[in-house]
Amino acid sequence: MNCSAALECHEPLQTYSDGCSDFPFDATNEKVYTFLDSFIHEVSQVFPDNYLHMGGDEVKTLCWAVPYVIQWMKQQNMTDFNDLEQYFLSRVQQFAVRNNKMIVNWEEVFTSNFDLVPGTVIEVWKDSQTLNSVAQAGYGALLAYNWYLDHLDSTW
């Protein structure tokens, strides 16, 4: 969902004017979904792997605190930015499913209690307790904590 590069390259997706850096996609903009549907389809053709990492961490939801987004949320009976993020996630997950991809998300998607499609794999980067919670909830788990290159005790 951190999408600065995509937004820089596709002007119709650039809707924020407040200088919010590292901003998420505008979940109220249908052009975003058209772009992501096409992008995920193309990625699926180029990379025939079974898995597609869709991120989901470090979403700067305060970037959505602009009048037109808040108005749209009210029209959709959404009460907070978690509702909007769930809406975005649900729509984009379906693009991956349509392209026969198993979704991988960062643990923030799981710990935020978002609804996930069956078969989602959660990449855990914090601790073994979260890893256990993911497994107990029936999701696949990918262990990343203690494996960040900048946290390894060895040198390369």
C-alpha atoms as a PDB file:
ATOM      1  CA  MET A   1       0.000   0.000   0.000  1.00  0.00           C
ATOM      2  CA  ASN A   2       3.024   2.275   0.162  1.00  0.00           C
ATOM      3  CA  CYS A   3       2.857   3.405  -3.381  1.00  0.00           C
ATOM      4  CA  SER A   4       4.914   6.514  -3.914  1.00  0.00           C
ATOM      5  CA  ALA A   5       6.576   5.185  -7.074  1.00  0.00           C
ATOM      6  CA  ALA A   6       3.284   4.206  -8.715  1.00  0.00           C
ATOM      7  CA  LEU A   7       1.733   7.531  -7.843  1.00  0.00           C
ATOM      8  CA  GLU A   8       4.690   9.445  -9.261  1.00  0.00           C
ATOM      9  CA  CYS A   9       4.366   7.595 -12.569  1.00  0.00           C
ATOM     10  CA  HIS A  10       0.591   7.684 -12.968  1.00  0.00           C
ATOM     11  CA  GLU A  11      -0.715  11.216 -12.690  1.00  0.00           C
ATOM     12  CA  PRO A  12      -4.445  10.287 -12.523  1.00  0.00           C
ATOM     13  CA  LEU A  13      -3.712   8.511  -9.243  1.00  0.00           C
ATOM     14  CA  GLN A  14      -2.137  11.603  -7.668  1.00  0.00           C
ATOM     15  CA  THR A  15      -4.984  13.125  -5.724  1.00  0.00           C
ATOM     16  CA  TYR A  16      -3.352  14.324  -2.516  1.00  0.00           C
ATOM     17  CA  SER A  17      -2.368  17.957  -2.398  1.00  0.00           C
ATOM     18  CA  ASP A  18      -1.295  18.315   1.211  1.00  0.00           C
ATOM     19  CA  GLY A  19       2.297  17.193   0.706  1.00  0.00           C
ATOM     20  CA  CYS A  20       1.740  13.950   2.609  1.00  0.00           C
ATOM     21  CA  SER A  21       4.858  11.884   1.949  1.00  0.00           C
ATOM     22  CA  ASP A  22       4.930   8.091   1.594  1.00  0.00           C
ATOM     23  CA  PHE A  23       1.182   8.221   1.160  1.00  0.00           C
ATOM     24  CA  PRO A  24      -1.168   5.310   0.552  1.00  0.00           C
ATOM     25  CA  PHE A  25      -3.333   4.926  -2.510  1.00  0.00           C
ATOM     26  CA  ASP A  26      -6.523   6.972  -2.458  1.00  0.00           C
ATOM     27  CA  ALA A  27      -8.999   4.249  -1.521  1.00  0.00           C
ATOM     28  CA  THR A  28     -11.887   6.440  -2.743  1.00  0.00           C
ATOM     29  CA  ASN A  29     -10.580   6.754  -6.306  1.00  0.00           C
ATOM     30  CA  GLU A  30     -11.907   4.155  -8.775  1.00  0.00           C
ATOM     31  CA  LYS A  31      -8.912   4.818 -11.049  1.00  0.00           C
ATOM     32  CA  VAL A  32      -6.715   3.339  -8.321  1.00  0.00           C
ATOM     33  CA  TYR A  33      -8.611   0.035  -8.486  1.00  0.00           C
ATOM     34  CA  THR A  34      -8.525  -0.021 -12.286  1.00  0.00           C
ATOM     35  CA  PHE A  35      -4.759   0.536 -12.157  1.00  0.00           C
ATOM     36  CA  LEU A  36      -4.166  -2.084  -9.449  1.00  0.00           C
ATOM     37  CA  ASP A  37      -6.324  -4.678 -11.186  1.00  0.00           C
ATOM     38  CA  SER A  38      -4.334  -4.206 -14.381  1.00  0.00           C
ATOM     39  CA  PHE A  39      -1.005  -4.066 -12.528  1.00  0.00           C
ATOM     40  CA  ILE A  40      -1.635  -7.261 -10.562  1.00  0.00           C
ATOM     41  CA  HIS A  41      -2.762  -9.020 -13.738  1.00  0.00           C
ATOM     42  CA  GLU A  42       0.415  -7.951 -15.536  1.00  0.00           C
ATOM     43  CA  VAL A  43       2.653  -8.925 -12.605  1.00  0.00           C
ATOM     44  CA  SER A  44       0.916 -12.303 -12.512  1.00  0.00           C
ATOM     45  CA  GLN A  45       1.704 -12.868 -16.178  1.00  0.00           C
ATOM     46  CA  VAL A  46       5.353 -11.864 -15.863  1.00  0.00           C
ATOM     47  CA  PHE A  47       5.971 -13.656 -12.557  1.00  0.00           C
ATOM     48  CA  PRO A  48       4.080 -16.950 -12.508  1.00  0.00           C
ATOM     49  CA  ASP A  49       4.894 -17.613  -8.834  1.00  0.00           C
ATOM     50  CA  ASN A  50       2.039 -18.750  -6.615  1.00  0.00           C
ATOM     51  CA  TYR A  51       2.544 -16.000  -4.045  1.00  0.00           C
ATOM     52  CA  LEU A  52       2.099 -12.236  -4.262  1.00  0.00           C
ATOM     53  CA  HIS A  53       3.318 -10.047  -1.395  1.00  0.00           C
ATOM     54  CA  MET A  54       0.823  -7.236  -1.032  1.00  0.00           C
ATOM     55  CA  GLY A  55       2.403  -5.392   1.882  1.00  0.00           C
ATOM     56  CA  GLY A  56       0.005  -3.772   4.296  1.00  0.00           C
ATOM     57  CA  ASP A  57       2.463  -2.307   6.779  1.00  0.00           C
ATOM     58  CA  GLU A  58       3.181   1.319   7.564  1.00  0.00           C
ATOM     59  CA  VAL A  59      -0.022   2.622   5.986  1.00  0.00           C
ATOM     60  CA  LYS A  60      -0.145   6.349   6.668  1.00  0.00           C
ATOM     61  CA  THR A  61      -3.895   6.582   7.166  1.00  0.00           C
ATOM     62  CA  LEU A  62      -3.681  10.204   8.311  1.00  0.00           C
ATOM     63  CA  CYS A  63      -3.037  11.067   4.673  1.00  0.00           C
ATOM     64  CA  TRP A  64      -6.703  10.211   4.163  1.00  0.00           C
ATOM     65  CA  ALA A  65      -7.704  13.007   6.577  1.00  0.00           C
ATOM     66  CA  VAL A  66      -8.758  15.304   3.752  1.00  0.00           C
ATOM     67  CA  PRO A  67     -12.302  16.585   3.216  1.00  0.00           C
ATOM     68  CA  TYR A  68     -13.195  14.616   0.078  1.00  0.00           C
ATOM     69  CA  VAL A  69     -12.054  11.302   1.606  1.00  0.00           C
ATOM     70  CA  ILE A  70     -13.918  11.951   4.856  1.00  0.00           C
ATOM     71  CA  GLN A  71     -17.055  12.886   2.895  1.00  0.00           C
ATOM     72  CA  TRP A  72     -16.811   9.680   0.833  1.00  0.00           C
ATOM     73  CA  MET A  73     -16.350   7.633   4.007  1.00  0.00           C
ATOM     74  CA  LYS A  74     -19.487   9.180   5.530  1.00  0.00           C
ATOM     75  CA  GLN A  75     -21.438   8.315   2.376  1.00  0.00           C
ATOM     76  CA  GLN A  76     -20.257   4.714   2.755  1.00  0.00           C
ATOM     77  CA  ASN A  77     -21.099   4.643   6.501  1.00  0.00           C
ATOM     78  CA  MET A  78     -17.443   4.216   7.440  1.00  0.00           C
ATOM     79  CA  THR A  79     -16.530   5.478  10.880  1.00  0.00           C
ATOM     80  CA  ASP A  80     -12.733   5.471  10.797  1.00  0.00           C
ATOM     81  CA  PHE A  81      -9.684   4.915   8.636  1.00  0.00           C
ATOM     82  CA  ASN A  82      -9.532   1.243   9.613  1.00  0.00           C
ATOM     83  CA  ASP A  83     -12.865   0.819   7.814  1.00  0.00           C
ATOM     84  CA  LEU A  84     -11.404   2.489   4.738  1.00  0.00           C
ATOM     85  CA  GLU A  85      -8.263   0.376   4.873  1.00  0.00           C
ATOM     86  CA  GLN A  86     -10.401  -2.788   5.163  1.00  0.00           C
ATOM     87  CA  TYR A  87     -12.429  -1.654   2.147  1.00  0.00           C
ATOM     88  CA  PHE A  88      -9.259  -1.106   0.134  1.00  0.00           C
ATOM     89  CA  LEU A  89      -7.731  -4.388   1.252  1.00  0.00           C
ATOM     90  CA  SER A  90     -10.868  -6.384   0.436  1.00  0.00           C
ATOM     91  CA  ARG A  91     -11.100  -4.979  -3.060  1.00  0.00           C
ATOM     92  CA  VAL A  92      -7.422  -5.436  -3.876  1.00  0.00           C
ATOM     93  CA  GLN A  93      -7.303  -8.961  -2.442  1.00  0.00           C
ATOM     94  CA  GLN A  94      -9.871  -9.959  -5.040  1.00  0.00           C
ATOM     95  CA  PHE A  95      -7.538  -8.896  -7.852  1.00  0.00           C
ATOM     96  CA  ALA A  96      -4.913 -11.306  -6.547  1.00  0.00           C
ATOM     97  CA  VAL A  97      -7.458 -14.099  -6.105  1.00  0.00           C
ATOM     98  CA  ARG A  98      -8.713 -13.621  -9.679  1.00  0.00           C
ATOM     99  CA  ASN A  99      -5.127 -14.080 -10.852  1.00  0.00           C
ATOM    100  CA  ASN A 100      -4.711 -17.290  -8.825  1.00  0.00           C
ATOM    101  CA  LYS A 101      -2.254 -15.752  -6.386  1.00  0.00           C
ATOM    102  CA  MET A 102      -1.854 -16.654  -2.759  1.00  0.00           C
ATOM    103  CA  ILE A 103      -1.601 -13.405  -0.836  1.00  0.00           C
ATOM    104  CA  VAL A 104       1.207 -12.560   1.554  1.00  0.00           C
ATOM    105  CA  ASN A 105       0.714  -9.594   3.895  1.00  0.00           C
ATOM    106  CA  TRP A 106       2.801  -8.098   6.645  1.00  0.00           C
ATOM    107  CA  GLU A 107       1.659  -8.867  10.179  1.00  0.00           C
ATOM    108  CA  GLU A 108       0.038  -5.444  10.604  1.00  0.00           C
ATOM    109  CA  VAL A 109      -2.809  -6.632   8.398  1.00  0.00           C
ATOM    110  CA  PHE A 110      -3.362  -9.549  10.776  1.00  0.00           C
ATOM    111  CA  THR A 111      -2.895  -7.621  14.027  1.00  0.00           C
ATOM    112  CA  SER A 112      -5.358  -4.978  12.815  1.00  0.00           C
ATOM    113  CA  ASN A 113      -7.972  -7.758  12.637  1.00  0.00           C
ATOM    114  CA  PHE A 114      -8.764  -7.125   8.988  1.00  0.00           C
ATOM    115  CA  ASP A 115     -10.792  -9.732   7.126  1.00  0.00           C
ATOM    116  CA  LEU A 116      -8.466 -11.778   4.940  1.00  0.00           C
ATOM    117  CA  VAL A 117      -9.119 -14.238   2.154  1.00  0.00           C
ATOM    118  CA  PRO A 118      -8.586 -17.902   3.016  1.00  0.00           C
ATOM    119  CA  GLY A 119      -5.048 -19.050   2.378  1.00  0.00           C
ATOM    120  CA  THR A 120      -3.463 -15.683   3.167  1.00  0.00           C
ATOM    121  CA  VAL A 121       0.085 -15.952   4.471  1.00  0.00           C
ATOM    122  CA  ILE A 122       1.189 -13.507   7.133  1.00  0.00           C
ATOM    123  CA  GLU A 123       4.818 -12.394   7.230  1.00  0.00           C
ATOM    124  CA  VAL A 124       5.732 -11.908  10.891  1.00  0.00           C
ATOM    125  CA  TRP A 125       8.582  -9.550  11.681  1.00  0.00           C
ATOM    126  CA  LYS A 126       8.111  -8.745  15.376  1.00  0.00           C
ATOM    127  CA  ASP A 127       8.098 -11.788  17.639  1.00  0.00           C
ATOM    128  CA  SER A 128       7.257 -15.456  18.150  1.00  0.00           C
ATOM    129  CA  GLN A 129       4.047 -14.588  20.020  1.00  0.00           C
ATOM    130  CA  THR A 130       2.641 -13.001  16.860  1.00  0.00           C
ATOM    131  CA  LEU A 131       3.855 -15.975  14.833  1.00  0.00           C
ATOM    132  CA  ASN A 132       1.961 -18.316  17.171  1.00  0.00           C
ATOM    133  CA  SER A 133      -1.187 -16.169  16.975  1.00  0.00           C
ATOM    134  CA  VAL A 134      -1.086 -16.260  13.179  1.00  0.00           C
ATOM    135  CA  ALA A 135      -0.721 -20.044  13.150  1.00  0.00           C
ATOM    136  CA  GLN A 136      -3.466 -20.507  15.756  1.00  0.00           C
ATOM    137  CA  ALA A 137      -5.798 -18.374  13.618  1.00  0.00           C
ATOM    138  CA  GLY A 138      -5.247 -20.814  10.743  1.00  0.00           C
ATOM    139  CA  TYR A 139      -3.189 -18.610   8.451  1.00  0.00           C
ATOM    140  CA  GLY A 140       0.091 -19.531   6.866  1.00  0.00           C
ATOM    141  CA  ALA A 141       3.055 -17.864   8.509  1.00  0.00           C
ATOM    142  CA  LEU A 142       6.328 -16.627   7.114  1.00  0.00           C
ATOM    143  CA  LEU A 143       9.036 -15.894   9.651  1.00  0.00           C
ATOM    144  CA  ALA A 144      10.938 -12.665   9.064  1.00  0.00           C
ATOM    145  CA  TYR A 145      11.892 -11.466  12.536  1.00  0.00           C
ATOM    146  CA  ASN A 146      15.588 -11.728  13.341  1.00  0.00           C
ATOM    147  CA  TRP A 147      16.291 -12.076   9.610  1.00  0.00           C
ATOM    148  CA  TYR A 148      16.475  -8.462   8.531  1.00  0.00           C
ATOM    149  CA  LEU A 149      19.926  -7.904   7.030  1.00  0.00           C
ATOM    150  CA  ASP A 150      20.462  -4.819   9.176  1.00  0.00           C
ATOM    151  CA  HIS A 151      19.750  -6.835  12.326  1.00  0.00           C
ATOM    152  CA  LEU A 152      21.954  -9.859  11.707  1.00  0.00           C
ATOM    153  CA  ASP A 153      24.956 -10.289  13.960  1.00  0.00           C
ATOM    154  CA  SER A 154      27.157 -11.473  11.115  1.00  0.00           C
ATOM    155  CA  THR A 155      28.783  -9.395   8.423  1.00  0.00           C
ATOM    156  CA  TRP A 156      28.711 -10.135   4.717  1.00  0.00           C
END
